[in-house]
Amino acid sequence: MVADNLEKVKENIAEACRKAGRDPGEVTLIAVSKTKPVELLREAYDAGARCFGENKVQEIMDKYPQLPADIQWHMIGHLQRNKVKYIVDKVKMIHSVDSLRLAETIEQEASKRGVQVPVLLEVNVAQEESKFGLKTDEVLPLAEAVSAFPHIKIQGLMTIAPYVDDPEENRGIFRQLKKLSVDIEAKNINNVTMSVLSMGMTGDYQVAVQEGATMVRVGTGIFGERYYF
């Protein structure tokens, strides 16, 4: 099941790229494996998945030693500052930086381990009260502040769009994030690039790809409905 689902998602990404005149090679598929048992992750790995996204630090810690070393782990959930030290040298990217205090903690822990951590700034484009993330007008000031940190590399932006029945409803959200990334890129801030746009999930990733996503985070579309511990 997982292998078939993974193949279908890849086909959908390729089709969305074709419609938008993009190269499918520009889009990284992150298999969102939160709450999923290691056996399902192995199925996805065997089917070719190498990028996995987790919401909780504890799950990364549990799964990391049980799975192949060439997996790229992405921290996509809200990150508490007291948990940063556990994953700062284990993850490929942190998608959810939304405050200077969190960035300062990442900088401190990355410095201790001698690593540079790629991060995305999380933007709450829709301004949903139930979600974390910066307001759009807070993104540039944070990017400028964090650009001074030698152990952090801002590589782009992330958003979690609203849950909607019709993915077209989120097209404007994705378009706003893309525009924001273009505007920030134009500032030529040292140590800041806007090469990554992490947006789009199971319900709307095809629309996100059409609007410029370079990373899509698909869980249910690959693994089926969530497991809850």
C-alpha atoms as a PDB file:
ATOM      1  CA  MET A   1       0.000   0.000   0.000  1.00  0.00           C
ATOM      2  CA  VAL A   2       2.682   2.506   1.018  1.00  0.00           C
ATOM      3  CA  ALA A   3       4.733   1.902  -2.137  1.00  0.00           C
ATOM      4  CA  ASP A   4       1.678   2.358  -4.365  1.00  0.00           C
ATOM      5  CA  ASN A   5       0.618   5.509  -2.515  1.00  0.00           C
ATOM      6  CA  LEU A   6       4.117   6.949  -2.740  1.00  0.00           C
ATOM      7  CA  GLU A   7       4.212   6.337  -6.478  1.00  0.00           C
ATOM      8  CA  LYS A   8       0.811   7.972  -6.918  1.00  0.00           C
ATOM      9  CA  VAL A   9       1.893  11.083  -5.004  1.00  0.00           C
ATOM     10  CA  LYS A  10       5.024  11.346  -7.155  1.00  0.00           C
ATOM     11  CA  GLU A  11       2.896  11.074 -10.289  1.00  0.00           C
ATOM     12  CA  ASN A  12       0.601  13.815  -9.004  1.00  0.00           C
ATOM     13  CA  ILE A  13       3.592  16.064  -8.297  1.00  0.00           C
ATOM     14  CA  ALA A  14       4.926  15.459 -11.793  1.00  0.00           C
ATOM     15  CA  GLU A  15       1.535  16.299 -13.285  1.00  0.00           C
ATOM     16  CA  ALA A  16       1.261  19.496 -11.232  1.00  0.00           C
ATOM     17  CA  CYS A  17       4.761  20.468 -12.392  1.00  0.00           C
ATOM     18  CA  ARG A  18       3.790  19.816 -16.007  1.00  0.00           C
ATOM     19  CA  LYS A  19       0.795  22.138 -15.666  1.00  0.00           C
ATOM     20  CA  ALA A  20       2.993  24.849 -14.167  1.00  0.00           C
ATOM     21  CA  GLY A  21       5.874  24.374 -16.597  1.00  0.00           C
ATOM     22  CA  ARG A  22       8.194  23.220 -13.820  1.00  0.00           C
ATOM     23  CA  ASP A  23      10.769  20.449 -13.530  1.00  0.00           C
ATOM     24  CA  PRO A  24       9.583  17.755 -11.064  1.00  0.00           C
ATOM     25  CA  GLY A  25      13.180  17.588  -9.889  1.00  0.00           C
ATOM     26  CA  GLU A  26      12.622  20.960  -8.203  1.00  0.00           C
ATOM     27  CA  VAL A  27      10.136  19.458  -5.734  1.00  0.00           C
ATOM     28  CA  THR A  28      11.170  17.389  -2.717  1.00  0.00           C
ATOM     29  CA  LEU A  29       8.553  15.056  -1.282  1.00  0.00           C
ATOM     30  CA  ILE A  30       8.659  14.802   2.496  1.00  0.00           C
ATOM     31  CA  ALA A  31       6.878  11.721   3.806  1.00  0.00           C
ATOM     32  CA  VAL A  32       5.203  12.933   6.986  1.00  0.00           C
ATOM     33  CA  SER A  33       5.688   9.992   9.315  1.00  0.00           C
ATOM     34  CA  LYS A  34       4.413  11.456  12.577  1.00  0.00           C
ATOM     35  CA  THR A  35       2.555   8.848  14.676  1.00  0.00           C
ATOM     36  CA  LYS A  36       3.527   6.117  12.182  1.00  0.00           C
ATOM     37  CA  PRO A  37       5.287   2.938  13.311  1.00  0.00           C
ATOM     38  CA  VAL A  38       8.814   2.226  12.136  1.00  0.00           C
ATOM     39  CA  GLU A  39       7.558  -0.666   9.967  1.00  0.00           C
ATOM     40  CA  LEU A  40       5.610   1.744   7.762  1.00  0.00           C
ATOM     41  CA  LEU A  41       8.598   4.060   7.478  1.00  0.00           C
ATOM     42  CA  ARG A  42      10.679   1.094   6.336  1.00  0.00           C
ATOM     43  CA  GLU A  43       8.093   0.348   3.657  1.00  0.00           C
ATOM     44  CA  ALA A  44       8.345   3.919   2.419  1.00  0.00           C
ATOM     45  CA  TYR A  45      12.140   3.780   2.560  1.00  0.00           C
ATOM     46  CA  ASP A  46      12.193   0.559   0.558  1.00  0.00           C
ATOM     47  CA  ALA A  47       9.946   2.267  -2.009  1.00  0.00           C
ATOM     48  CA  GLY A  48      12.462   5.089  -2.389  1.00  0.00           C
ATOM     49  CA  ALA A  49      11.510   7.703   0.228  1.00  0.00           C
ATOM     50  CA  ARG A  50      14.503   9.359   1.879  1.00  0.00           C
ATOM     51  CA  CYS A  51      13.002  12.513   3.423  1.00  0.00           C
ATOM     52  CA  PHE A  52      10.773  12.038   6.456  1.00  0.00           C
ATOM     53  CA  GLY A  53       8.968  14.720   8.439  1.00  0.00           C
ATOM     54  CA  GLU A  54       8.195  14.509  12.132  1.00  0.00           C
ATOM     55  CA  ASN A  55       6.198  16.792  14.436  1.00  0.00           C
ATOM     56  CA  LYS A  56       7.691  15.724  17.739  1.00  0.00           C
ATOM     57  CA  VAL A  57      11.293  15.610  18.886  1.00  0.00           C
ATOM     58  CA  GLN A  58      10.649  12.396  20.815  1.00  0.00           C
ATOM     59  CA  GLU A  59       9.560  10.583  17.669  1.00  0.00           C
ATOM     60  CA  ILE A  60      12.721  11.610  15.848  1.00  0.00           C
ATOM     61  CA  MET A  61      14.771  10.395  18.804  1.00  0.00           C
ATOM     62  CA  ASP A  62      12.930   7.051  18.866  1.00  0.00           C
ATOM     63  CA  LYS A  63      13.051   6.404  15.117  1.00  0.00           C
ATOM     64  CA  TYR A  64      16.480   7.818  14.294  1.00  0.00           C
ATOM     65  CA  PRO A  65      18.541   4.854  15.563  1.00  0.00           C
ATOM     66  CA  GLN A  66      16.139   2.256  14.138  1.00  0.00           C
ATOM     67  CA  LEU A  67      16.287   3.372  10.510  1.00  0.00           C
ATOM     68  CA  PRO A  68      18.970   3.769   7.824  1.00  0.00           C
ATOM     69  CA  ALA A  69      21.516   6.536   8.257  1.00  0.00           C
ATOM     70  CA  ASP A  70      20.882   8.088   4.842  1.00  0.00           C
ATOM     71  CA  ILE A  71      17.383   9.243   5.839  1.00  0.00           C
ATOM     72  CA  GLN A  72      16.991  13.016   5.950  1.00  0.00           C
ATOM     73  CA  TRP A  73      14.868  13.980   8.930  1.00  0.00           C
ATOM     74  CA  HIS A  74      12.824  17.176   8.794  1.00  0.00           C
ATOM     75  CA  MET A  75      11.427  18.765  11.951  1.00  0.00           C
ATOM     76  CA  ILE A  76       8.108  20.158  10.744  1.00  0.00           C
ATOM     77  CA  GLY A  77       6.226  20.626  14.012  1.00  0.00           C
ATOM     78  CA  HIS A  78       6.364  23.335  16.659  1.00  0.00           C
ATOM     79  CA  LEU A  79       9.758  23.130  18.351  1.00  0.00           C
ATOM     80  CA  GLN A  80      10.145  23.859  22.056  1.00  0.00           C
ATOM     81  CA  ARG A  81      13.425  25.494  22.983  1.00  0.00           C
ATOM     82  CA  ASN A  82      14.247  22.917  25.652  1.00  0.00           C
ATOM     83  CA  LYS A  83      14.106  20.154  23.020  1.00  0.00           C
ATOM     84  CA  VAL A  84      16.434  21.764  20.464  1.00  0.00           C
ATOM     85  CA  LYS A  85      19.580  20.151  21.880  1.00  0.00           C
ATOM     86  CA  TYR A  86      18.299  16.654  21.117  1.00  0.00           C
ATOM     87  CA  ILE A  87      17.879  17.086  17.374  1.00  0.00           C
ATOM     88  CA  VAL A  88      20.090  19.966  16.271  1.00  0.00           C
ATOM     89  CA  ASP A  89      22.711  17.591  14.855  1.00  0.00           C
ATOM     90  CA  LYS A  90      20.240  14.965  13.627  1.00  0.00           C
ATOM     91  CA  VAL A  91      17.873  16.838  11.330  1.00  0.00           C
ATOM     92  CA  LYS A  92      18.384  17.940   7.760  1.00  0.00           C
ATOM     93  CA  MET A  93      16.181  20.984   8.291  1.00  0.00           C
ATOM     94  CA  ILE A  94      13.961  22.683  10.874  1.00  0.00           C
ATOM     95  CA  HIS A  95      10.827  24.021   9.144  1.00  0.00           C
ATOM     96  CA  SER A  96       9.236  25.758  12.101  1.00  0.00           C
ATOM     97  CA  VAL A  97      11.369  28.662  13.318  1.00  0.00           C
ATOM     98  CA  ASP A  98       8.925  31.350  14.406  1.00  0.00           C
ATOM     99  CA  SER A  99      10.704  33.451  17.012  1.00  0.00           C
ATOM    100  CA  LEU A 100      14.057  35.046  17.742  1.00  0.00           C
ATOM    101  CA  ARG A 101      14.255  33.169  21.057  1.00  0.00           C
ATOM    102  CA  LEU A 102      13.979  29.825  19.283  1.00  0.00           C
ATOM    103  CA  ALA A 103      16.591  30.883  16.729  1.00  0.00           C
ATOM    104  CA  GLU A 104      18.931  31.935  19.542  1.00  0.00           C
ATOM    105  CA  THR A 105      18.586  28.514  21.156  1.00  0.00           C
ATOM    106  CA  ILE A 106      19.260  26.743  17.864  1.00  0.00           C
ATOM    107  CA  GLU A 107      22.337  28.930  17.382  1.00  0.00           C
ATOM    108  CA  GLN A 108      23.650  28.093  20.865  1.00  0.00           C
ATOM    109  CA  GLU A 109      23.131  24.336  20.516  1.00  0.00           C
ATOM    110  CA  ALA A 110      24.467  24.230  16.940  1.00  0.00           C
ATOM    111  CA  SER A 111      27.564  26.128  18.056  1.00  0.00           C
ATOM    112  CA  LYS A 112      28.228  23.548  20.786  1.00  0.00           C
ATOM    113  CA  ARG A 113      28.127  20.749  18.224  1.00  0.00           C
ATOM    114  CA  GLY A 114      29.952  22.590  15.475  1.00  0.00           C
ATOM    115  CA  VAL A 115      27.127  22.280  12.942  1.00  0.00           C
ATOM    116  CA  GLN A 116      25.228  24.725  10.764  1.00  0.00           C
ATOM    117  CA  VAL A 117      21.483  24.125  10.776  1.00  0.00           C
ATOM    118  CA  PRO A 118      19.321  24.870   7.730  1.00  0.00           C
ATOM    119  CA  VAL A 119      16.014  26.386   8.827  1.00  0.00           C
ATOM    120  CA  LEU A 120      12.805  27.757   7.382  1.00  0.00           C
ATOM    121  CA  LEU A 121      10.799  30.578   8.899  1.00  0.00           C
ATOM    122  CA  GLU A 122       7.235  29.471   9.602  1.00  0.00           C
ATOM    123  CA  VAL A 123       4.633  31.948   8.395  1.00  0.00           C
ATOM    124  CA  ASN A 124       1.004  31.852   9.496  1.00  0.00           C
ATOM    125  CA  VAL A 125      -0.206  33.349   6.212  1.00  0.00           C
ATOM    126  CA  ALA A 126      -3.881  32.730   6.977  1.00  0.00           C
ATOM    127  CA  GLN A 127      -3.456  34.141  10.505  1.00  0.00           C
ATOM    128  CA  GLU A 128      -5.262  31.191  12.078  1.00  0.00           C
ATOM    129  CA  GLU A 129      -5.285  31.551  15.852  1.00  0.00           C
ATOM    130  CA  SER A 130      -4.873  27.806  16.326  1.00  0.00           C
ATOM    131  CA  LYS A 131      -1.556  27.725  14.465  1.00  0.00           C
ATOM    132  CA  PHE A 132       1.980  28.831  15.190  1.00  0.00           C
ATOM    133  CA  GLY A 133       3.969  31.008  12.849  1.00  0.00           C
ATOM    134  CA  LEU A 134       4.898  34.588  12.096  1.00  0.00           C
ATOM    135  CA  LYS A 135       2.641  37.204  10.633  1.00  0.00           C
ATOM    136  CA  THR A 136       3.785  38.158   7.158  1.00  0.00           C
ATOM    137  CA  ASP A 137       5.106  41.540   8.311  1.00  0.00           C
ATOM    138  CA  GLU A 138       7.235  39.865  11.006  1.00  0.00           C
ATOM    139  CA  VAL A 139       9.188  37.650   8.613  1.00  0.00           C
ATOM    140  CA  LEU A 140      11.679  40.137   7.183  1.00  0.00           C
ATOM    141  CA  PRO A 141      12.730  41.579  10.577  1.00  0.00           C
ATOM    142  CA  LEU A 142      13.338  38.058  11.927  1.00  0.00           C
ATOM    143  CA  ALA A 143      15.269  37.049   8.813  1.00  0.00           C
ATOM    144  CA  GLU A 144      17.494  40.097   9.201  1.00  0.00           C
ATOM    145  CA  ALA A 145      18.114  39.345  12.881  1.00  0.00           C
ATOM    146  CA  VAL A 146      18.868  35.649  12.368  1.00  0.00           C
ATOM    147  CA  SER A 147      21.147  36.350   9.407  1.00  0.00           C
ATOM    148  CA  ALA A 148      23.843  37.317  11.910  1.00  0.00           C
ATOM    149  CA  PHE A 149      23.900  33.820  13.452  1.00  0.00           C
ATOM    150  CA  PRO A 150      26.818  31.821  11.985  1.00  0.00           C
ATOM    151  CA  HIS A 151      25.373  28.395  12.843  1.00  0.00           C
ATOM    152  CA  ILE A 152      21.962  28.941  11.226  1.00  0.00           C
ATOM    153  CA  LYS A 153      21.227  29.181   7.529  1.00  0.00           C
ATOM    154  CA  ILE A 154      17.788  30.490   6.586  1.00  0.00           C
ATOM    155  CA  GLN A 155      16.856  28.707   3.379  1.00  0.00           C
ATOM    156  CA  GLY A 156      13.262  29.770   2.879  1.00  0.00           C
ATOM    157  CA  LEU A 157       9.744  29.807   4.261  1.00  0.00           C
ATOM    158  CA  MET A 158       7.121  27.324   5.432  1.00  0.00           C
ATOM    159  CA  THR A 159       3.395  27.600   5.949  1.00  0.00           C
ATOM    160  CA  ILE A 160       0.586  25.316   7.074  1.00  0.00           C
ATOM    161  CA  ALA A 161      -2.447  26.306   5.050  1.00  0.00           C
ATOM    162  CA  PRO A 162      -5.977  25.966   6.447  1.00  0.00           C
ATOM    163  CA  TYR A 163      -7.755  22.631   6.211  1.00  0.00           C
ATOM    164  CA  VAL A 164     -10.210  23.018   3.342  1.00  0.00           C
ATOM    165  CA  ASP A 165     -12.419  20.727   1.283  1.00  0.00           C
ATOM    166  CA  ASP A 166     -11.470  22.445  -1.967  1.00  0.00           C
ATOM    167  CA  PRO A 167      -7.688  22.859  -2.381  1.00  0.00           C
ATOM    168  CA  GLU A 168      -8.284  25.802  -4.690  1.00  0.00           C
ATOM    169  CA  GLU A 169      -9.232  27.784  -1.591  1.00  0.00           C
ATOM    170  CA  ASN A 170      -5.590  27.675  -0.513  1.00  0.00           C
ATOM    171  CA  ARG A 171      -4.122  28.825  -3.824  1.00  0.00           C
ATOM    172  CA  GLY A 172      -4.067  32.434  -2.596  1.00  0.00           C
ATOM    173  CA  ILE A 173      -2.245  31.393   0.599  1.00  0.00           C
ATOM    174  CA  PHE A 174       0.494  29.673  -1.397  1.00  0.00           C
ATOM    175  CA  ARG A 175       0.717  32.603  -3.773  1.00  0.00           C
ATOM    176  CA  GLN A 176       1.210  34.990  -0.840  1.00  0.00           C
ATOM    177  CA  LEU A 177       4.035  32.881   0.586  1.00  0.00           C
ATOM    178  CA  LYS A 178       5.733  32.734  -2.805  1.00  0.00           C
ATOM    179  CA  LYS A 179       5.481  36.519  -3.186  1.00  0.00           C
ATOM    180  CA  LEU A 180       6.889  37.021   0.307  1.00  0.00           C
ATOM    181  CA  SER A 181       9.853  34.789  -0.523  1.00  0.00           C
ATOM    182  CA  VAL A 182      10.527  36.726  -3.728  1.00  0.00           C
ATOM    183  CA  ASP A 183      10.371  40.034  -1.834  1.00  0.00           C
ATOM    184  CA  ILE A 184      12.826  38.798   0.814  1.00  0.00           C
ATOM    185  CA  GLU A 185      15.159  37.311  -1.797  1.00  0.00           C
ATOM    186  CA  ALA A 186      15.296  40.735  -3.450  1.00  0.00           C
ATOM    187  CA  LYS A 187      16.728  42.219  -0.228  1.00  0.00           C
ATOM    188  CA  ASN A 188      19.945  40.185  -0.724  1.00  0.00           C
ATOM    189  CA  ILE A 189      20.370  39.587   2.993  1.00  0.00           C
ATOM    190  CA  ASN A 190      23.679  37.966   3.837  1.00  0.00           C
ATOM    191  CA  ASN A 191      23.319  34.310   4.975  1.00  0.00           C
ATOM    192  CA  VAL A 192      19.654  34.199   3.880  1.00  0.00           C
ATOM    193  CA  THR A 193      18.341  32.450   0.765  1.00  0.00           C
ATOM    194  CA  MET A 194      14.781  31.810  -0.318  1.00  0.00           C
ATOM    195  CA  SER A 195      15.468  28.617  -2.243  1.00  0.00           C
ATOM    196  CA  VAL A 196      12.945  26.533  -0.276  1.00  0.00           C
ATOM    197  CA  LEU A 197       9.169  26.938  -0.095  1.00  0.00           C
ATOM    198  CA  SER A 198       7.712  24.253   2.170  1.00  0.00           C
ATOM    199  CA  MET A 199       3.961  24.318   1.562  1.00  0.00           C
ATOM    200  CA  GLY A 200       1.215  21.907   0.646  1.00  0.00           C
ATOM    201  CA  MET A 201       0.027  18.761   2.402  1.00  0.00           C
ATOM    202  CA  THR A 202      -2.065  15.743   1.435  1.00  0.00           C
ATOM    203  CA  GLY A 203      -5.177  17.754   0.586  1.00  0.00           C
ATOM    204  CA  ASP A 204      -3.599  20.541  -1.421  1.00  0.00           C
ATOM    205  CA  TYR A 205      -0.018  19.710  -2.444  1.00  0.00           C
ATOM    206  CA  GLN A 206      -0.781  19.748  -6.167  1.00  0.00           C
ATOM    207  CA  VAL A 207      -2.022  23.344  -5.969  1.00  0.00           C
ATOM    208  CA  ALA A 208       1.016  24.223  -3.823  1.00  0.00           C
ATOM    209  CA  VAL A 209       3.356  22.793  -6.458  1.00  0.00           C
ATOM    210  CA  GLN A 210       1.632  24.835  -9.148  1.00  0.00           C
ATOM    211  CA  GLU A 211       2.265  27.936  -7.009  1.00  0.00           C
ATOM    212  CA  GLY A 212       5.959  27.260  -6.474  1.00  0.00           C
ATOM    213  CA  ALA A 213       6.391  24.781  -3.603  1.00  0.00           C
ATOM    214  CA  THR A 214       9.824  23.172  -3.535  1.00  0.00           C
ATOM    215  CA  MET A 215       8.901  20.889  -0.618  1.00  0.00           C
ATOM    216  CA  VAL A 216       5.545  19.258   0.007  1.00  0.00           C
ATOM    217  CA  ARG A 217       4.685  17.451   3.231  1.00  0.00           C
ATOM    218  CA  VAL A 218       2.460  14.446   2.586  1.00  0.00           C
ATOM    219  CA  GLY A 219       1.424  12.060   5.352  1.00  0.00           C
ATOM    220  CA  THR A 220      -2.054  10.599   4.917  1.00  0.00           C
ATOM    221  CA  GLY A 221      -1.592  10.441   1.139  1.00  0.00           C
ATOM    222  CA  ILE A 222       1.337   8.047   1.662  1.00  0.00           C
ATOM    223  CA  PHE A 223       0.689   6.236   4.935  1.00  0.00           C
ATOM    224  CA  GLY A 224      -3.088   6.363   5.245  1.00  0.00           C
ATOM    225  CA  GLU A 225      -4.935   7.749   8.240  1.00  0.00           C
ATOM    226  CA  ARG A 226      -2.922   8.645  11.335  1.00  0.00           C
ATOM    227  CA  TYR A 227      -2.110   6.361  14.194  1.00  0.00           C
ATOM    228  CA  TYR A 228      -2.403   7.893  17.640  1.00  0.00           C
ATOM    229  CA  PHE A 229      -0.359   6.580  20.547  1.00  0.00           C
END
